Amino acid sequence: MVSRTRKKTQYRRKGQSLIAANKIKPQLWHICDAEAKEALIAQGQRVQKIKKIHRLKHQVCISYWNEQGGVCSSFFSYRIFARWQNEVEKLIYTCPTVKEWTKLQSIMRYEFAYYNYEREIEDALDTALENRLCVLKATTLQGVFTYI
């Protein structure tokens, strides 16, 4: 008797995030209490003091005391940290070839479609991608003219 198998790919999103593609490894970051507190306050949380930070591969669990003295704990995306934007920009500007840039741009389209980026951050990263492509094209053309 042959069993039916469900098409798993039918339900999965196409593409990968920066973390799943191993382009950025935020679980290796040392996130200090001040950095976590700043990120949580920017998200609208009322933080008095950070209690504990537990880093996972795709998210970070932060326990903190709120203004009333109660303990709160929740999972947050690494994308709430200012360091995320810096790491992505560094990744963009160190992209060596147009082929690698194309892969990175595809990952960034996935990121923008499935994760909540602030408009300013998304615009800044888009501009960085465009600028890097211009530089890569210019250096490619420059290399072609030196051989002629």
C-alpha atoms as a PDB file:
ATOM      1  CA  MET A   1       0.000   0.000   0.000  1.00  0.00           C
ATOM      2  CA  VAL A   2       1.387   3.389  -1.002  1.00  0.00           C
ATOM      3  CA  SER A   3       0.876   6.203   1.460  1.00  0.00           C
ATOM      4  CA  ARG A   4       0.120   9.694   0.291  1.00  0.00           C
ATOM      5  CA  THR A   5       2.607  12.346   1.171  1.00  0.00           C
ATOM      6  CA  ARG A   6       1.683  15.915   1.592  1.00  0.00           C
ATOM      7  CA  LYS A   7       3.507  18.485  -0.479  1.00  0.00           C
ATOM      8  CA  LYS A   8       5.447  20.322   2.202  1.00  0.00           C
ATOM      9  CA  THR A   9       6.919  22.842  -0.181  1.00  0.00           C
ATOM     10  CA  GLN A  10       3.435  24.059  -0.987  1.00  0.00           C
ATOM     11  CA  TYR A  11       3.149  25.546   2.508  1.00  0.00           C
ATOM     12  CA  ARG A  12       6.639  26.933   2.904  1.00  0.00           C
ATOM     13  CA  ARG A  13       7.719  30.439   2.054  1.00  0.00           C
ATOM     14  CA  LYS A  14      10.207  30.792  -0.739  1.00  0.00           C
ATOM     15  CA  GLY A  15      13.561  32.224   0.276  1.00  0.00           C
ATOM     16  CA  GLN A  16      15.565  32.555   3.460  1.00  0.00           C
ATOM     17  CA  SER A  17      16.225  35.162   6.068  1.00  0.00           C
ATOM     18  CA  LEU A  18      19.698  36.570   6.687  1.00  0.00           C
ATOM     19  CA  ILE A  19      20.021  34.339   9.759  1.00  0.00           C
ATOM     20  CA  ALA A  20      18.806  31.151   8.025  1.00  0.00           C
ATOM     21  CA  ALA A  21      21.202  31.839   5.123  1.00  0.00           C
ATOM     22  CA  ASN A  22      24.060  32.150   7.685  1.00  0.00           C
ATOM     23  CA  LYS A  23      24.863  35.661   6.507  1.00  0.00           C
ATOM     24  CA  ILE A  24      24.423  37.130   9.994  1.00  0.00           C
ATOM     25  CA  LYS A  25      24.917  35.223  13.255  1.00  0.00           C
ATOM     26  CA  PRO A  26      23.385  37.371  16.004  1.00  0.00           C
ATOM     27  CA  GLN A  27      23.309  34.520  18.519  1.00  0.00           C
ATOM     28  CA  LEU A  28      27.069  35.126  18.845  1.00  0.00           C
ATOM     29  CA  TRP A  29      26.626  38.811  19.718  1.00  0.00           C
ATOM     30  CA  HIS A  30      27.269  39.920  23.265  1.00  0.00           C
ATOM     31  CA  ILE A  31      24.230  42.070  23.955  1.00  0.00           C
ATOM     32  CA  CYS A  32      24.787  44.244  27.010  1.00  0.00           C
ATOM     33  CA  ASP A  33      21.991  45.336  29.343  1.00  0.00           C
ATOM     34  CA  ALA A  34      22.155  48.947  28.128  1.00  0.00           C
ATOM     35  CA  GLU A  35      21.790  47.883  24.481  1.00  0.00           C
ATOM     36  CA  ALA A  36      18.831  45.626  25.322  1.00  0.00           C
ATOM     37  CA  LYS A  37      17.163  48.319  27.415  1.00  0.00           C
ATOM     38  CA  GLU A  38      17.562  50.893  24.622  1.00  0.00           C
ATOM     39  CA  ALA A  39      16.065  48.503  22.051  1.00  0.00           C
ATOM     40  CA  LEU A  40      13.110  47.609  24.286  1.00  0.00           C
ATOM     41  CA  ILE A  41      12.346  51.244  25.086  1.00  0.00           C
ATOM     42  CA  ALA A  42      12.421  52.008  21.349  1.00  0.00           C
ATOM     43  CA  GLN A  43       9.827  49.228  20.948  1.00  0.00           C
ATOM     44  CA  GLY A  44       7.569  50.916  23.494  1.00  0.00           C
ATOM     45  CA  GLN A  45       8.317  48.656  26.466  1.00  0.00           C
ATOM     46  CA  ARG A  46       8.519  50.292  29.890  1.00  0.00           C
ATOM     47  CA  VAL A  47      11.804  48.921  31.167  1.00  0.00           C
ATOM     48  CA  GLN A  48      13.318  49.735  34.524  1.00  0.00           C
ATOM     49  CA  LYS A  49      16.178  47.223  34.502  1.00  0.00           C
ATOM     50  CA  ILE A  50      17.242  44.180  32.468  1.00  0.00           C
ATOM     51  CA  LYS A  51      17.190  40.949  34.457  1.00  0.00           C
ATOM     52  CA  LYS A  52      18.427  38.332  31.967  1.00  0.00           C
ATOM     53  CA  ILE A  53      19.246  38.006  28.267  1.00  0.00           C
ATOM     54  CA  HIS A  54      19.120  34.591  26.606  1.00  0.00           C
ATOM     55  CA  ARG A  55      20.301  34.491  22.992  1.00  0.00           C
ATOM     56  CA  LEU A  56      18.830  31.948  20.585  1.00  0.00           C
ATOM     57  CA  LYS A  57      19.540  31.489  16.888  1.00  0.00           C
ATOM     58  CA  HIS A  58      16.598  33.463  15.488  1.00  0.00           C
ATOM     59  CA  GLN A  59      15.499  35.563  18.455  1.00  0.00           C
ATOM     60  CA  VAL A  60      16.475  36.750  21.897  1.00  0.00           C
ATOM     61  CA  CYS A  61      14.573  36.202  25.140  1.00  0.00           C
ATOM     62  CA  ILE A  62      14.805  39.191  27.452  1.00  0.00           C
ATOM     63  CA  SER A  63      13.570  39.248  31.045  1.00  0.00           C
ATOM     64  CA  TYR A  64      13.258  42.659  32.627  1.00  0.00           C
ATOM     65  CA  TRP A  65      11.655  44.577  35.457  1.00  0.00           C
ATOM     66  CA  ASN A  66       8.993  47.027  34.319  1.00  0.00           C
ATOM     67  CA  GLU A  67       8.267  50.399  35.907  1.00  0.00           C
ATOM     68  CA  GLN A  68       5.857  48.816  38.409  1.00  0.00           C
ATOM     69  CA  GLY A  69       8.556  46.400  39.592  1.00  0.00           C
ATOM     70  CA  GLY A  70       7.016  43.346  37.935  1.00  0.00           C
ATOM     71  CA  VAL A  71       9.097  40.875  35.972  1.00  0.00           C
ATOM     72  CA  CYS A  72       8.318  40.631  32.276  1.00  0.00           C
ATOM     73  CA  SER A  73       9.824  38.199  29.809  1.00  0.00           C
ATOM     74  CA  SER A  74       9.356  37.963  26.075  1.00  0.00           C
ATOM     75  CA  PHE A  75      11.004  36.921  22.827  1.00  0.00           C
ATOM     76  CA  PHE A  76      12.234  39.648  20.501  1.00  0.00           C
ATOM     77  CA  SER A  77      13.691  39.663  17.019  1.00  0.00           C
ATOM     78  CA  TYR A  78      17.336  40.632  16.679  1.00  0.00           C
ATOM     79  CA  ARG A  79      16.091  43.185  14.156  1.00  0.00           C
ATOM     80  CA  ILE A  80      15.088  45.532  17.024  1.00  0.00           C
ATOM     81  CA  PHE A  81      18.751  46.206  17.825  1.00  0.00           C
ATOM     82  CA  ALA A  82      20.687  49.030  16.171  1.00  0.00           C
ATOM     83  CA  ARG A  83      23.514  46.545  15.643  1.00  0.00           C
ATOM     84  CA  TRP A  84      21.328  44.625  13.169  1.00  0.00           C
ATOM     85  CA  GLN A  85      21.297  47.504  10.684  1.00  0.00           C
ATOM     86  CA  ASN A  86      25.061  47.996  11.077  1.00  0.00           C
ATOM     87  CA  GLU A  87      25.733  44.302  10.433  1.00  0.00           C
ATOM     88  CA  VAL A  88      23.484  44.244   7.351  1.00  0.00           C
ATOM     89  CA  GLU A  89      25.141  47.363   5.951  1.00  0.00           C
ATOM     90  CA  LYS A  90      28.572  45.824   6.551  1.00  0.00           C
ATOM     91  CA  LEU A  91      27.408  42.682   4.741  1.00  0.00           C
ATOM     92  CA  ILE A  92      26.190  44.758   1.793  1.00  0.00           C
ATOM     93  CA  TYR A  93      29.357  46.851   1.480  1.00  0.00           C
ATOM     94  CA  THR A  94      31.642  43.807   1.629  1.00  0.00           C
ATOM     95  CA  CYS A  95      29.741  41.967  -1.097  1.00  0.00           C
ATOM     96  CA  PRO A  96      32.517  41.047  -3.585  1.00  0.00           C
ATOM     97  CA  THR A  97      30.709  40.306  -6.870  1.00  0.00           C
ATOM     98  CA  VAL A  98      27.509  41.103  -8.732  1.00  0.00           C
ATOM     99  CA  LYS A  99      26.514  37.445  -8.426  1.00  0.00           C
ATOM    100  CA  GLU A 100      26.850  37.548  -4.627  1.00  0.00           C
ATOM    101  CA  TRP A 101      25.051  40.899  -4.582  1.00  0.00           C
ATOM    102  CA  THR A 102      22.140  39.331  -6.485  1.00  0.00           C
ATOM    103  CA  LYS A 103      21.846  36.569  -3.885  1.00  0.00           C
ATOM    104  CA  LEU A 104      22.004  39.112  -1.075  1.00  0.00           C
ATOM    105  CA  GLN A 105      19.406  41.325  -2.740  1.00  0.00           C
ATOM    106  CA  SER A 106      17.067  38.328  -3.012  1.00  0.00           C
ATOM    107  CA  ILE A 107      17.506  37.620   0.702  1.00  0.00           C
ATOM    108  CA  MET A 108      16.841  41.276   1.492  1.00  0.00           C
ATOM    109  CA  ARG A 109      13.581  41.196  -0.521  1.00  0.00           C
ATOM    110  CA  TYR A 110      12.534  38.218   1.608  1.00  0.00           C
ATOM    111  CA  GLU A 111      13.516  40.074   4.778  1.00  0.00           C
ATOM    112  CA  PHE A 112      11.489  43.147   3.829  1.00  0.00           C
ATOM    113  CA  ALA A 113       8.461  41.029   2.882  1.00  0.00           C
ATOM    114  CA  TYR A 114       8.315  38.902   6.040  1.00  0.00           C
ATOM    115  CA  TYR A 115       9.842  40.989   8.849  1.00  0.00           C
ATOM    116  CA  ASN A 116       8.808  44.356  10.203  1.00  0.00           C
ATOM    117  CA  TYR A 117      11.484  46.889   9.362  1.00  0.00           C
ATOM    118  CA  GLU A 118      10.977  50.548  10.121  1.00  0.00           C
ATOM    119  CA  ARG A 119      10.569  52.527   6.914  1.00  0.00           C
ATOM    120  CA  GLU A 120      13.778  54.523   7.503  1.00  0.00           C
ATOM    121  CA  ILE A 121      15.836  51.370   8.020  1.00  0.00           C
ATOM    122  CA  GLU A 122      14.376  49.668   4.959  1.00  0.00           C
ATOM    123  CA  ASP A 123      15.103  52.771   2.859  1.00  0.00           C
ATOM    124  CA  ALA A 124      18.668  52.996   4.194  1.00  0.00           C
ATOM    125  CA  LEU A 125      19.344  49.325   3.406  1.00  0.00           C
ATOM    126  CA  ASP A 126      17.795  49.667  -0.061  1.00  0.00           C
ATOM    127  CA  THR A 127      20.026  52.675  -0.727  1.00  0.00           C
ATOM    128  CA  ALA A 128      23.066  50.721   0.476  1.00  0.00           C
ATOM    129  CA  LEU A 129      22.165  47.867  -1.904  1.00  0.00           C
ATOM    130  CA  GLU A 130      21.782  50.253  -4.841  1.00  0.00           C
ATOM    131  CA  ASN A 131      25.060  52.014  -4.039  1.00  0.00           C
ATOM    132  CA  ARG A 132      26.931  48.728  -3.789  1.00  0.00           C
ATOM    133  CA  LEU A 133      25.548  47.568  -7.124  1.00  0.00           C
ATOM    134  CA  CYS A 134      26.727  50.798  -8.760  1.00  0.00           C
ATOM    135  CA  VAL A 135      30.224  50.283  -7.315  1.00  0.00           C
ATOM    136  CA  LEU A 136      30.326  46.638  -8.434  1.00  0.00           C
ATOM    137  CA  LYS A 137      29.186  47.525 -11.956  1.00  0.00           C
ATOM    138  CA  ALA A 138      31.717  50.357 -12.179  1.00  0.00           C
ATOM    139  CA  THR A 139      34.606  48.129 -11.068  1.00  0.00           C
ATOM    140  CA  THR A 140      33.480  45.413 -13.486  1.00  0.00           C
ATOM    141  CA  LEU A 141      33.420  47.899 -16.372  1.00  0.00           C
ATOM    142  CA  GLN A 142      36.765  49.336 -15.300  1.00  0.00           C
ATOM    143  CA  GLY A 143      38.263  45.839 -15.410  1.00  0.00           C
ATOM    144  CA  VAL A 144      36.874  45.308 -18.927  1.00  0.00           C
ATOM    145  CA  PHE A 145      38.411  48.551 -20.220  1.00  0.00           C
ATOM    146  CA  THR A 146      41.859  47.734 -18.838  1.00  0.00           C
ATOM    147  CA  TYR A 147      41.950  44.564 -20.953  1.00  0.00           C
ATOM    148  CA  ILE A 148      40.958  46.279 -24.197  1.00  0.00           C
END
